[in-house]
C-alpha atoms as a PDB file:
ATOM      1  CA  MET A   1      -0.242  -0.299  -0.170  1.00  0.00           C
ATOM      2  CA  ASN A   2       1.592   3.280  -1.018  1.00  0.00           C
ATOM      3  CA  LEU A   3       0.463   5.965   0.465  1.00  0.00           C
ATOM      4  CA  THR A   4       1.268   9.559   0.386  1.00  0.00           C
ATOM      5  CA  VAL A   5       3.748  11.900   3.750  1.00  0.00           C
ATOM      6  CA  GLN A   6      -0.160  14.272   3.182  1.00  0.00           C
ATOM      7  CA  GLU A   7      -1.959  10.830   3.526  1.00  0.00           C
ATOM      8  CA  CYS A   8       0.243  10.433   6.197  1.00  0.00           C
ATOM      9  CA  VAL A   9      -0.076  13.236   8.028  1.00  0.00           C
ATOM     10  CA  ASP A  10      -3.658  13.451   7.542  1.00  0.00           C
ATOM     11  CA  ASN A  11      -4.368  10.593   9.274  1.00  0.00           C
ATOM     12  CA  VAL A  12      -2.198  11.263  12.263  1.00  0.00           C
ATOM     13  CA  VAL A  13      -3.323  15.391  12.135  1.00  0.00           C
ATOM     14  CA  ARG A  14      -7.253  13.588  12.987  1.00  0.00           C
ATOM     15  CA  ALA A  15      -5.694  11.011  15.274  1.00  0.00           C
ATOM     16  CA  ASN A  16      -4.629  13.704  17.615  1.00  0.00           C
ATOM     17  CA  GLU A  17      -7.776  15.725  16.954  1.00  0.00           C
ATOM     18  CA  ASN A  18     -10.056  12.919  18.611  1.00  0.00           C
ATOM     19  CA  ILE A  19      -7.536  11.861  22.017  1.00  0.00           C
ATOM     20  CA  LYS A  20     -10.332  13.431  24.182  1.00  0.00           C
ATOM     21  CA  ILE A  21      -8.923  14.456  26.997  1.00  0.00           C
ATOM     22  CA  PRO A  22     -10.606  15.778  30.109  1.00  0.00           C
ATOM     23  CA  THR A  23      -9.149  19.723  30.787  1.00  0.00           C
ATOM     24  CA  SER A  24     -11.498  22.040  33.283  1.00  0.00           C
ATOM     25  CA  SER A  25     -11.513  21.174  37.016  1.00  0.00           C
ATOM     26  CA  GLU A  26     -15.305  20.881  36.245  1.00  0.00           C
ATOM     27  CA  GLU A  27     -14.491  18.083  33.681  1.00  0.00           C
ATOM     28  CA  ILE A  28     -12.711  16.090  35.420  1.00  0.00           C
ATOM     29  CA  ASN A  29     -14.310  16.184  38.964  1.00  0.00           C
ATOM     30  CA  THR A  30     -16.896  14.668  36.481  1.00  0.00           C
ATOM     31  CA  PHE A  31     -14.438  12.475  35.153  1.00  0.00           C
ATOM     32  CA  LEU A  32     -13.446  11.307  38.836  1.00  0.00           C
ATOM     33  CA  ASP A  33     -17.012  11.264  40.058  1.00  0.00           C
ATOM     34  CA  LYS A  34     -18.212   7.881  38.058  1.00  0.00           C
ATOM     35  CA  VAL A  35     -15.054   4.772  37.483  1.00  0.00           C
ATOM     36  CA  SER A  36     -18.053   3.053  35.192  1.00  0.00           C
ATOM     37  CA  PHE A  37     -17.559   6.199  32.904  1.00  0.00           C
ATOM     38  CA  LEU A  38     -13.910   6.760  33.416  1.00  0.00           C
ATOM     39  CA  SER A  39     -13.566   3.533  32.651  1.00  0.00           C
ATOM     40  CA  ASP A  40     -15.178   3.550  29.264  1.00  0.00           C
ATOM     41  CA  SER A  41     -13.354   6.549  28.878  1.00  0.00           C
ATOM     42  CA  VAL A  42     -10.026   4.783  28.534  1.00  0.00           C
ATOM     43  CA  VAL A  43     -10.570   2.338  26.709  1.00  0.00           C
ATOM     44  CA  GLU A  44     -12.084   4.923  24.041  1.00  0.00           C
ATOM     45  CA  ILE A  45      -8.487   7.037  24.601  1.00  0.00           C
ATOM     46  CA  ASN A  46      -6.617   4.160  24.063  1.00  0.00           C
ATOM     47  CA  LYS A  47      -8.234   2.829  21.006  1.00  0.00           C
ATOM     48  CA  SER A  48      -7.209   6.659  19.904  1.00  0.00           C
ATOM     49  CA  ILE A  49      -3.847   6.233  20.804  1.00  0.00           C
ATOM     50  CA  GLN A  50      -3.561   3.252  19.425  1.00  0.00           C
ATOM     51  CA  ASN A  51      -4.668   5.250  15.906  1.00  0.00           C
ATOM     52  CA  LEU A  52      -2.787   7.699  16.116  1.00  0.00           C
ATOM     53  CA  THR A  53       0.316   5.178  17.028  1.00  0.00           C
ATOM     54  CA  GLU A  54      -0.524   3.242  13.626  1.00  0.00           C
ATOM     55  CA  SER A  55      -1.556   6.230  11.692  1.00  0.00           C
ATOM     56  CA  LEU A  56       2.795   7.432  12.739  1.00  0.00           C
ATOM     57  CA  GLU A  57       3.892   4.040  11.886  1.00  0.00           C
ATOM     58  CA  LYS A  58       2.470   4.506   8.393  1.00  0.00           C
ATOM     59  CA  LEU A  59       4.615   7.446   7.609  1.00  0.00           C
ATOM     60  CA  THR A  60       7.859   4.695   7.949  1.00  0.00           C
ATOM     61  CA  TRP A  61       6.545   3.494   4.868  1.00  0.00           C
ATOM     62  CA  VAL A  62       6.721   5.957   2.488  1.00  0.00           C
ATOM     63  CA  GLY A  63       8.652   5.800  -0.125  1.00  0.00           C
ATOM     64  CA  GLU A  64       9.905   9.217  -1.683  1.00  0.00           C
ATOM     65  CA  ILE A  65       9.993  11.919   0.327  1.00  0.00           C
ATOM     66  CA  ASN A  66      11.577  15.517  -0.153  1.00  0.00           C
ATOM     67  CA  GLU A  67      12.172  19.306   2.173  1.00  0.00           C
ATOM     68  CA  ASN A  68       8.612  19.785   1.900  1.00  0.00           C
ATOM     69  CA  ASP A  69       7.622  16.476   3.095  1.00  0.00           C
ATOM     70  CA  LEU A  70       9.922  16.708   6.372  1.00  0.00           C
ATOM     71  CA  LEU A  71       9.376  19.809   7.389  1.00  0.00           C
ATOM     72  CA  PHE A  72       5.775  18.355   7.499  1.00  0.00           C
ATOM     73  CA  ILE A  73       6.797  15.085   9.180  1.00  0.00           C
ATOM     74  CA  ASN A  74       8.770  17.508  11.813  1.00  0.00           C
ATOM     75  CA  ILE A  75       5.888  18.574  12.362  1.00  0.00           C
ATOM     76  CA  VAL A  76       3.774  16.083  12.772  1.00  0.00           C
ATOM     77  CA  ILE A  77       6.592  14.289  15.490  1.00  0.00           C
ATOM     78  CA  LYS A  78       6.375  17.657  17.541  1.00  0.00           C
ATOM     79  CA  LEU A  79       2.820  17.846  17.570  1.00  0.00           C
ATOM     80  CA  SER A  80       2.638  13.970  18.728  1.00  0.00           C
ATOM     81  CA  SER A  81       5.186  14.349  21.006  1.00  0.00           C
ATOM     82  CA  GLY A  82       3.216  16.822  22.568  1.00  0.00           C
ATOM     83  CA  SER A  83       0.590  14.591  22.661  1.00  0.00           C
ATOM     84  CA  LEU A  84       2.421  11.592  24.018  1.00  0.00           C
ATOM     85  CA  LYS A  85       3.284  13.925  27.294  1.00  0.00           C
ATOM     86  CA  THR A  86      -0.297  14.709  28.279  1.00  0.00           C
ATOM     87  CA  LEU A  87      -1.210  11.737  27.366  1.00  0.00           C
ATOM     88  CA  LYS A  88       1.460  10.593  30.620  1.00  0.00           C
ATOM     89  CA  MET A  89       0.415  13.460  32.842  1.00  0.00           C
ATOM     90  CA  ASN A  90      -3.202  11.381  32.475  1.00  0.00           C
ATOM     91  CA  TYR A  91      -1.670   7.950  33.110  1.00  0.00           C
ATOM     92  CA  TYR A  92       0.036   9.212  36.480  1.00  0.00           C
ATOM     93  CA  MET A  93      -3.767  10.938  37.521  1.00  0.00           C
ATOM     94  CA  LEU A  94      -5.373   7.860  36.466  1.00  0.00           C
ATOM     95  CA  LYS A  95      -3.149   5.266  37.942  1.00  0.00           C
ATOM     96  CA  GLU A  96      -3.241   7.735  41.040  1.00  0.00           C
ATOM     97  CA  THR A  97      -6.435   7.850  41.841  1.00  0.00           C
ATOM     98  CA  PHE A  98      -7.801   4.896  40.198  1.00  0.00           C
ATOM     99  CA  GLY A  99      -5.134   2.290  39.846  1.00  0.00           C
ATOM    100  CA  ASP A 100      -6.911   0.017  42.326  1.00  0.00           C
ATOM    101  CA  LYS A 101     -10.611   0.840  40.972  1.00  0.00           C
ATOM    102  CA  ILE A 102      -9.526  -1.096  36.953  1.00  0.00           C
ATOM    103  CA  PRO A 103      -5.716  -1.759  37.059  1.00  0.00           C
ATOM    104  CA  ASN A 104      -6.312  -3.347  33.772  1.00  0.00           C
ATOM    105  CA  VAL A 105      -7.748  -0.825  31.742  1.00  0.00           C
ATOM    106  CA  ILE A 106      -5.047   2.097  33.996  1.00  0.00           C
ATOM    107  CA  GLN A 107      -2.295  -1.242  32.708  1.00  0.00           C
ATOM    108  CA  GLU A 108      -3.433  -0.508  29.429  1.00  0.00           C
ATOM    109  CA  ASN A 109      -3.712   2.409  28.819  1.00  0.00           C
ATOM    110  CA  LEU A 110      -0.127   2.361  29.948  1.00  0.00           C
ATOM    111  CA  GLY A 111       0.801  -0.061  27.103  1.00  0.00           C
ATOM    112  CA  VAL A 112      -0.589   2.221  24.543  1.00  0.00           C
ATOM    113  CA  VAL A 113       1.519   5.140  26.115  1.00  0.00           C
ATOM    114  CA  GLU A 114       4.565   3.416  25.815  1.00  0.00           C
ATOM    115  CA  ASP A 115       3.674   1.989  22.302  1.00  0.00           C
ATOM    116  CA  LEU A 116       3.145   5.949  21.058  1.00  0.00           C
ATOM    117  CA  GLU A 117       6.239   6.674  22.402  1.00  0.00           C
ATOM    118  CA  GLU A 118       7.702   4.437  21.036  1.00  0.00           C
ATOM    119  CA  THR A 119       6.718   4.692  17.432  1.00  0.00           C
ATOM    120  CA  ILE A 120       7.266   8.297  17.797  1.00  0.00           C
ATOM    121  CA  ASN A 121      11.222   7.723  18.194  1.00  0.00           C
ATOM    122  CA  ASP A 122      11.166   5.396  15.830  1.00  0.00           C
ATOM    123  CA  VAL A 123       9.490   7.816  12.783  1.00  0.00           C
ATOM    124  CA  SER A 124      11.614  10.533  14.113  1.00  0.00           C
ATOM    125  CA  TYR A 125      15.418   8.088  14.202  1.00  0.00           C
ATOM    126  CA  SER A 126      13.886   7.101  10.768  1.00  0.00           C
ATOM    127  CA  PHE A 127      14.044  10.566   9.282  1.00  0.00           C
ATOM    128  CA  PHE A 128      16.056  12.142  11.329  1.00  0.00           C
ATOM    129  CA  LYS A 129      18.596  11.150  14.260  1.00  0.00           C
ATOM    130  CA  HIS A 130      20.144   8.333  11.320  1.00  0.00           C
ATOM    131  CA  LYS A 131      21.247  10.753   8.898  1.00  0.00           C
ATOM    132  CA  ASP A 132      24.917  12.049  10.019  1.00  0.00           C
ATOM    133  CA  THR A 133      25.471  13.793   6.634  1.00  0.00           C
ATOM    134  CA  ASP A 134      25.992  17.231   6.628  1.00  0.00           C
ATOM    135  CA  GLU A 135      23.793  18.121   4.600  1.00  0.00           C
ATOM    136  CA  MET A 136      20.946  16.060   6.684  1.00  0.00           C
ATOM    137  CA  LYS A 137      21.760  18.124   9.908  1.00  0.00           C
ATOM    138  CA  ASN A 138      21.670  21.289   8.505  1.00  0.00           C
ATOM    139  CA  LEU A 139      18.249  20.392   7.107  1.00  0.00           C
ATOM    140  CA  TYR A 140      17.550  19.330  10.305  1.00  0.00           C
ATOM    141  CA  LYS A 141      18.433  22.266  11.437  1.00  0.00           C
ATOM    142  CA  GLU A 142      16.554  24.387   9.118  1.00  0.00           C
ATOM    143  CA  LEU A 143      12.675  21.863   9.729  1.00  0.00           C
ATOM    144  CA  ASN A 144      12.960  23.718  14.152  1.00  0.00           C
ATOM    145  CA  ASP A 145      13.790  26.746  13.323  1.00  0.00           C
ATOM    146  CA  LEU A 146      10.873  26.528  11.062  1.00  0.00           C
ATOM    147  CA  VAL A 147       8.994  24.978  13.801  1.00  0.00           C
END
């Protein structure tokens, strides 16, 4: 299956947008009041994280890429890394608050978050970090300066 970088980027952006995490105090309080709702929500979050991870993995299947593609890939990596930080904080809050009530669901959450982190690292390595030439180092610096 040949995907374009743009198709992969679009999939990753949609997957990031579908991760719904409570953020306001009222949302969190409501969330914390209903353990059954919590369990269902975490299961849905896990599915969204898995979707994001799968979308990111597809980036490594793309054949030829150009400098513009690398810019998009760099943006996607940074966007996904930001989501990862939020997801890690969410995991620790869940574990601390509900670890004894829904341990299997929370453990699964840790697994999908770790998978996402590994995939982000793999994609980053595939496109940027293993490129040791001066040309690639300069391009990577230019991309970071643009973002």
